[in-house]
Amino acid sequence: MRGVQARWGSARYPYTMVSQVAPDRVISYALFGSEPFYRRHLPALVRAHLTLFPDWQLRIMHDDALDAGDYGAALRAMHEEGLLRLERVTGEQPPLTLGMLWRMKPCWEPGVRFNLCRDVDSLPTPRERRAVETFIRSGAAVHCINDHPLHTSAMMGGLIGFRTTEFVRVSGLTCFDDLVALGGGARAGQWCVKGYDQTVLCEHVWPRVCSAACVHRLRTPRSWPASEPVAAMHRVIDPGVETPADRELSRKADRLAPFIGADGYDVEPAVTFYSEVIAPELLERIRACESPVRQRAARSA
């Protein structure tokens, strides 16, 4: 373990080198198939994560198509450097929404206390970090964020988090296969239907865990019930304690994405911004992993 001082005061969290031993905080992503749209967001994702969530392991659950794009070799180099962790789940590309559920697998991993599920094409933001800190302080088993009028599902697949031991207890789901069974099992044809993972979460998981949930329902439709049996409901995000300079940086970072979990944003400005505010040592290591020489070496290994 070693500390890295970021240039951004609000991001001064202890940075823990990722090892093969499961850390207690994981932010998990699913990357499968060869669609280039999702891969183009990875340089910004890595920089933003290591700035805003340096004390959380960035984990990418993947299939054998990881190396289909140029950035796959960079990810493998970052894995070797301890900047993130790659976990191969299967060789073949999974059905669309079953692959999205891979992000929940760390909930049943020994040693993992918290697991957040996020989308590869959404940018981490300071608002999100503050919401997560509120969830951790709440003691709730589950965290759900709704930050857009179209976020109409109680459990958005890429905006949920878990205090793993409590989640397993209140849900009664003792393993990942129990979760998949709620959707008809791994061979069910519905997993090919977009949104089916959220259907399973909302229809089968939410009723079990809603009374133990911390919910950030921020910019959601008026059709939401006025009250729900949740542990904690938040309509605003705690602004936190920041210096004026840090507050201005937070505002700039939040403006890079229109809302938490936004599916797509302008990647280049995000890469530029986080390259300027991330700890210099981390940026140097990221760029070394991204270099063509390092990528060619990884391909030939």
Protein backbone atom coordinates (compact mmCIF):
# COMPACT_ATOMS: atom_id res chain seq x y z
CA MET A 1 0.00 0.00 0.00
CA ARG A 2 1.19 3.50 -0.74
CA GLY A 3 -0.23 7.00 -0.82
CA VAL A 4 -0.54 9.22 -3.87
CA GLN A 5 -1.28 12.92 -3.51
CA ALA A 6 -3.69 14.21 -6.14
CA ARG A 7 -3.59 17.79 -7.42
CA TRP A 8 -7.29 18.04 -6.63
CA GLY A 9 -7.91 18.55 -2.92
CA SER A 10 -11.39 16.97 -2.97
CA ALA A 11 -9.88 13.77 -4.36
CA ARG A 12 -7.45 13.22 -1.48
CA TYR A 13 -8.42 9.67 -0.66
CA PRO A 14 -5.81 7.00 0.20
CA TYR A 15 -4.82 5.09 -2.92
CA THR A 16 -4.46 1.37 -2.35
CA MET A 17 -2.49 -0.70 -4.84
CA VAL A 18 -4.75 -3.38 -6.28
CA SER A 19 -3.56 -6.91 -5.64
CA GLN A 20 -4.99 -10.34 -6.37
CA VAL A 21 -6.42 -10.40 -2.85
CA ALA A 22 -9.97 -9.04 -2.99
CA PRO A 23 -10.14 -5.50 -1.58
CA ASP A 24 -13.21 -4.45 0.36
CA ARG A 25 -14.51 -1.83 -2.12
CA VAL A 26 -15.14 -2.61 -5.78
CA ILE A 27 -16.67 -0.66 -8.66
CA SER A 28 -17.49 -3.22 -11.31
CA TYR A 29 -18.01 -2.83 -15.03
CA ALA A 30 -18.95 -5.32 -17.75
CA LEU A 31 -17.14 -5.28 -21.10
CA PHE A 32 -18.01 -7.95 -23.65
CA GLY A 33 -18.32 -8.22 -27.39
CA SER A 34 -16.38 -6.07 -29.84
CA GLU A 35 -18.59 -2.95 -30.04
CA PRO A 36 -16.13 -0.02 -30.31
CA PHE A 37 -18.55 2.58 -28.88
CA TYR A 38 -18.05 1.42 -25.29
CA ARG A 39 -14.28 1.03 -25.60
CA ARG A 40 -13.74 4.63 -26.66
CA HIS A 41 -14.82 5.75 -23.17
CA LEU A 42 -12.17 3.72 -21.34
CA PRO A 43 -9.34 6.32 -21.26
CA ALA A 44 -11.65 8.85 -19.59
CA LEU A 45 -13.13 6.22 -17.27
CA VAL A 46 -9.74 5.10 -15.97
CA ARG A 47 -8.57 8.66 -15.29
CA ALA A 48 -11.83 9.75 -13.64
CA HIS A 49 -12.00 6.64 -11.49
CA LEU A 50 -8.44 6.97 -10.21
CA THR A 51 -9.09 10.65 -9.41
CA LEU A 52 -12.49 10.36 -7.72
CA PHE A 53 -12.45 6.77 -6.43
CA PRO A 54 -8.76 5.94 -5.90
CA ASP A 55 -9.59 3.89 -2.80
CA TRP A 56 -11.99 1.67 -4.77
CA GLN A 57 -10.85 -1.13 -7.06
CA LEU A 58 -11.85 -0.62 -10.69
CA ARG A 59 -12.82 -4.08 -11.89
CA ILE A 60 -13.76 -5.01 -15.45
CA MET A 61 -15.63 -8.27 -15.98
CA HIS A 62 -14.99 -9.42 -19.55
CA ASP A 63 -15.10 -12.15 -22.17
CA ASP A 64 -12.44 -13.14 -24.71
CA ALA A 65 -13.25 -10.14 -26.91
CA LEU A 66 -11.28 -7.88 -24.55
CA ASP A 67 -8.41 -7.69 -27.05
CA ALA A 68 -10.67 -6.95 -30.03
CA GLY A 69 -9.85 -3.24 -29.79
CA ASP A 70 -6.59 -1.36 -29.37
CA TYR A 71 -7.29 -0.47 -25.74
CA GLY A 72 -7.50 -4.11 -24.61
CA ALA A 73 -3.70 -4.34 -24.43
CA ALA A 74 -3.62 -1.12 -22.37
CA LEU A 75 -6.14 -2.62 -19.93
CA ARG A 76 -4.01 -5.73 -19.56
CA ALA A 77 -0.96 -3.56 -18.87
CA MET A 78 -2.93 -1.60 -16.25
CA HIS A 79 -3.98 -4.88 -14.65
CA GLU A 80 -0.31 -5.87 -14.39
CA GLU A 81 0.49 -2.44 -12.93
CA GLY A 82 -2.22 -2.77 -10.28
CA LEU A 83 -4.23 0.17 -11.60
CA LEU A 84 -7.31 -1.98 -12.15
CA ARG A 85 -8.36 -5.62 -12.12
CA LEU A 86 -9.52 -7.65 -15.08
CA GLU A 87 -11.70 -10.69 -14.48
CA ARG A 88 -12.49 -13.06 -17.32
CA VAL A 89 -15.96 -14.49 -16.76
CA THR A 90 -16.38 -16.54 -19.93
CA GLY A 91 -14.85 -16.98 -23.35
CA GLU A 92 -17.93 -16.52 -25.49
CA GLN A 93 -19.96 -13.33 -25.63
CA PRO A 94 -22.90 -13.66 -23.22
CA PRO A 95 -26.50 -12.68 -23.91
CA LEU A 96 -26.74 -8.89 -23.59
CA THR A 97 -28.38 -8.47 -20.20
CA LEU A 98 -26.88 -11.56 -18.57
CA GLY A 99 -23.49 -10.00 -19.24
CA MET A 100 -24.66 -6.80 -17.56
CA LEU A 101 -25.45 -8.78 -14.42
CA TRP A 102 -21.80 -9.87 -14.22
CA ARG A 103 -21.23 -6.58 -12.39
CA MET A 104 -23.01 -8.02 -9.37
CA LYS A 105 -20.73 -11.05 -9.02
CA PRO A 106 -18.42 -9.36 -6.45
CA CYS A 107 -21.39 -9.21 -4.05
CA TRP A 108 -20.68 -12.84 -3.22
CA GLU A 109 -16.90 -12.61 -3.19
CA PRO A 110 -15.17 -13.13 0.17
CA GLY A 111 -13.53 -9.95 1.42
CA VAL A 112 -15.64 -7.52 -0.62
CA ARG A 113 -17.69 -5.24 1.65
CA PHE A 114 -19.05 -2.83 -0.97
CA ASN A 115 -19.76 -3.36 -4.66
CA LEU A 116 -20.98 -0.65 -7.04
CA CYS A 117 -22.27 -1.52 -10.53
CA ARG A 118 -21.59 1.06 -13.23
CA ASP A 119 -21.71 1.44 -17.04
CA VAL A 120 -18.52 1.66 -19.10
CA ASP A 121 -19.94 4.57 -21.12
CA SER A 122 -20.84 6.71 -18.08
CA LEU A 123 -18.33 9.06 -16.48
CA PRO A 124 -17.73 9.04 -12.70
CA THR A 125 -18.53 12.44 -11.20
CA PRO A 126 -17.99 14.26 -7.88
CA ARG A 127 -21.77 14.25 -7.31
CA GLU A 128 -21.75 10.48 -7.62
CA ARG A 129 -18.86 10.16 -5.18
CA ARG A 130 -20.72 12.25 -2.59
CA ALA A 131 -23.87 10.18 -3.06
CA VAL A 132 -21.85 7.00 -2.51
CA GLU A 133 -20.36 8.42 0.68
CA THR A 134 -23.89 9.13 1.94
CA PHE A 135 -24.83 5.52 1.20
CA ILE A 136 -21.83 4.19 3.11
CA ARG A 137 -22.66 6.33 6.15
CA SER A 138 -26.31 5.27 6.01
CA GLY A 139 -25.66 1.63 6.87
CA ALA A 140 -28.18 0.60 4.19
CA ALA A 141 -27.81 -2.68 2.30
CA VAL A 142 -28.53 -1.27 -1.16
CA HIS A 143 -27.92 2.05 -2.94
CA CYS A 144 -30.02 3.25 -5.88
CA ILE A 145 -29.49 6.46 -7.86
CA ASN A 146 -32.07 8.03 -10.18
CA ASP A 147 -30.75 11.28 -11.69
CA HIS A 148 -32.79 11.74 -14.88
CA PRO A 149 -36.51 11.80 -15.75
CA LEU A 150 -35.96 8.64 -17.81
CA HIS A 151 -34.51 6.83 -14.81
CA THR A 152 -37.86 5.21 -14.13
CA SER A 153 -36.64 1.89 -12.71
CA ALA A 154 -36.23 1.55 -8.96
CA MET A 155 -32.96 -0.30 -9.58
CA MET A 156 -31.01 1.03 -12.56
CA GLY A 157 -28.51 -1.67 -13.55
CA GLY A 158 -25.61 0.78 -13.79
CA LEU A 159 -26.51 2.94 -10.78
CA ILE A 160 -26.81 0.47 -7.92
CA GLY A 161 -24.51 -0.39 -5.07
CA PHE A 162 -24.41 -2.98 -2.33
CA ARG A 163 -23.17 -3.45 1.21
CA THR A 164 -22.57 -7.06 0.32
CA THR A 165 -23.12 -8.95 3.57
CA GLU A 166 -26.35 -7.09 4.32
CA PHE A 167 -27.53 -7.44 0.72
CA VAL A 168 -27.09 -11.20 0.80
CA ARG A 169 -28.91 -11.37 4.14
CA VAL A 170 -31.95 -9.28 3.21
CA SER A 171 -32.27 -10.59 -0.35
CA GLY A 172 -31.86 -14.25 0.53
CA LEU A 173 -29.68 -14.67 -2.58
CA THR A 174 -26.78 -16.84 -1.50
CA CYS A 175 -24.83 -16.78 -4.79
CA PHE A 176 -24.81 -15.27 -8.26
CA ASP A 177 -26.64 -18.31 -9.67
CA ASP A 178 -29.55 -17.57 -7.32
CA LEU A 179 -29.84 -14.14 -8.93
CA VAL A 180 -29.72 -15.57 -12.45
CA ALA A 181 -32.37 -18.12 -11.47
CA LEU A 182 -34.80 -15.28 -10.76
CA GLY A 183 -34.63 -14.51 -14.49
CA GLY A 184 -35.26 -18.09 -15.55
CA GLY A 185 -31.69 -19.39 -15.43
CA ALA A 186 -28.69 -18.76 -17.65
CA ARG A 187 -30.31 -20.33 -20.71
CA ALA A 188 -33.47 -18.22 -20.62
CA GLY A 189 -34.08 -16.47 -23.93
CA GLN A 190 -35.19 -13.25 -22.22
CA TRP A 191 -31.56 -12.34 -21.41
CA CYS A 192 -31.21 -11.26 -25.05
CA VAL A 193 -33.88 -8.60 -24.55
CA LYS A 194 -32.54 -5.14 -23.72
CA GLY A 195 -33.52 -4.09 -20.21
CA TYR A 196 -34.31 -7.59 -18.96
CA ASP A 197 -31.65 -7.35 -16.26
CA GLN A 198 -33.46 -4.34 -14.81
CA THR A 199 -36.76 -6.18 -15.07
CA VAL A 200 -35.33 -8.96 -12.92
CA LEU A 201 -33.85 -6.46 -10.46
CA CYS A 202 -37.05 -4.42 -10.13
CA GLU A 203 -39.58 -7.26 -10.10
CA HIS A 204 -37.68 -9.83 -8.07
CA VAL A 205 -34.88 -8.15 -6.12
CA TRP A 206 -36.32 -4.73 -5.23
CA PRO A 207 -39.29 -6.11 -3.24
CA ARG A 208 -36.82 -8.04 -1.08
CA VAL A 209 -34.44 -5.15 -0.40
CA CYS A 210 -36.42 -1.90 -0.68
CA SER A 211 -36.85 -1.52 3.07
CA ALA A 212 -33.05 -1.64 3.43
CA ALA A 213 -32.25 0.76 0.58
CA CYS A 214 -30.67 4.20 0.52
CA VAL A 215 -32.16 5.98 -2.49
CA HIS A 216 -31.01 9.15 -4.25
CA ARG A 217 -34.04 10.13 -6.32
CA LEU A 218 -32.88 13.43 -7.75
CA ARG A 219 -34.48 14.36 -11.07
CA THR A 220 -37.15 11.74 -11.50
CA PRO A 221 -40.72 11.89 -12.86
CA ARG A 222 -43.62 13.08 -10.76
CA SER A 223 -45.20 9.66 -11.24
CA TRP A 224 -42.88 8.22 -8.58
CA PRO A 225 -44.78 7.40 -5.37
CA ALA A 226 -44.57 10.18 -2.80
CA SER A 227 -43.33 7.73 -0.21
CA GLU A 228 -41.83 4.26 -0.35
CA PRO A 229 -40.76 1.84 2.39
CA VAL A 230 -37.05 2.61 1.99
CA ALA A 231 -34.45 3.07 4.69
CA ALA A 232 -33.41 6.55 3.49
CA MET A 233 -34.70 8.78 0.68
CA HIS A 234 -32.58 11.68 -0.59
CA ARG A 235 -33.82 14.34 -3.00
CA VAL A 236 -30.52 16.24 -3.01
CA ILE A 237 -26.85 15.28 -2.70
CA ASP A 238 -24.82 16.37 0.31
CA PRO A 239 -22.55 19.16 -1.00
CA GLY A 240 -19.67 18.02 1.19
CA VAL A 241 -16.90 20.23 2.58
CA GLU A 242 -14.60 21.74 -0.05
CA THR A 243 -12.37 24.74 -0.46
CA PRO A 244 -13.56 27.31 -3.04
CA ALA A 245 -10.92 26.09 -5.51
CA ASP A 246 -11.93 22.46 -5.06
CA ARG A 247 -15.60 23.40 -5.38
CA GLU A 248 -14.92 25.01 -8.74
CA LEU A 249 -13.09 21.89 -9.93
CA SER A 250 -16.03 19.76 -8.80
CA ARG A 251 -18.41 21.95 -10.79
CA LYS A 252 -16.25 21.62 -13.89
CA ALA A 253 -16.08 17.85 -13.47
CA ASP A 254 -19.83 17.55 -12.95
CA ARG A 255 -20.44 19.52 -16.15
CA LEU A 256 -18.53 16.92 -18.19
CA ALA A 257 -21.58 14.65 -17.96
CA PRO A 258 -25.19 15.92 -17.98
CA PHE A 259 -26.24 13.65 -15.10
CA ILE A 260 -25.03 10.71 -13.04
CA GLY A 261 -24.99 7.61 -15.22
CA ALA A 262 -25.30 9.53 -18.50
CA ASP A 263 -24.91 7.04 -21.35
CA GLY A 264 -22.41 8.90 -23.45
CA TYR A 265 -20.48 12.16 -23.17
CA ASP A 266 -17.73 14.02 -25.01
CA VAL A 267 -14.73 11.82 -24.27
CA GLU A 268 -11.82 14.07 -25.26
CA PRO A 269 -12.63 16.97 -22.88
CA ALA A 270 -13.03 14.43 -20.08
CA VAL A 271 -9.64 12.86 -20.84
CA THR A 272 -8.03 16.31 -20.96
CA PHE A 273 -9.62 17.47 -17.70
CA TYR A 274 -8.75 14.40 -15.66
CA SER A 275 -5.24 14.27 -17.12
CA GLU A 276 -4.75 17.73 -15.60
CA VAL A 277 -6.11 16.97 -12.12
CA ILE A 278 -5.10 13.34 -11.50
CA ALA A 279 -2.02 12.62 -9.40
CA PRO A 280 1.02 13.02 -11.71
CA GLU A 281 2.41 9.61 -10.75
CA LEU A 282 -0.84 7.90 -11.72
CA LEU A 283 -1.04 9.75 -15.02
CA GLU A 284 2.51 8.69 -15.86
CA ARG A 285 1.68 5.05 -15.16
CA ILE A 286 -1.55 5.20 -17.18
CA ARG A 287 0.21 6.72 -20.17
CA ALA A 288 2.96 4.11 -19.99
CA CYS A 289 0.31 1.40 -20.19
CA GLU A 290 -1.36 3.16 -23.11
CA SER A 291 1.85 3.58 -25.09
CA PRO A 292 2.09 1.69 -28.40
CA VAL A 293 5.29 -0.04 -27.25
CA ARG A 294 3.57 -1.40 -24.16
CA GLN A 295 0.53 -2.44 -26.15
CA ARG A 296 2.60 -4.29 -28.75
CA ALA A 297 4.48 -6.08 -25.99
CA ALA A 298 1.23 -7.15 -24.38
CA ARG A 299 -0.07 -8.48 -27.70
CA SER A 300 3.05 -10.57 -28.30
CA ALA A 301 3.16 -11.98 -24.76
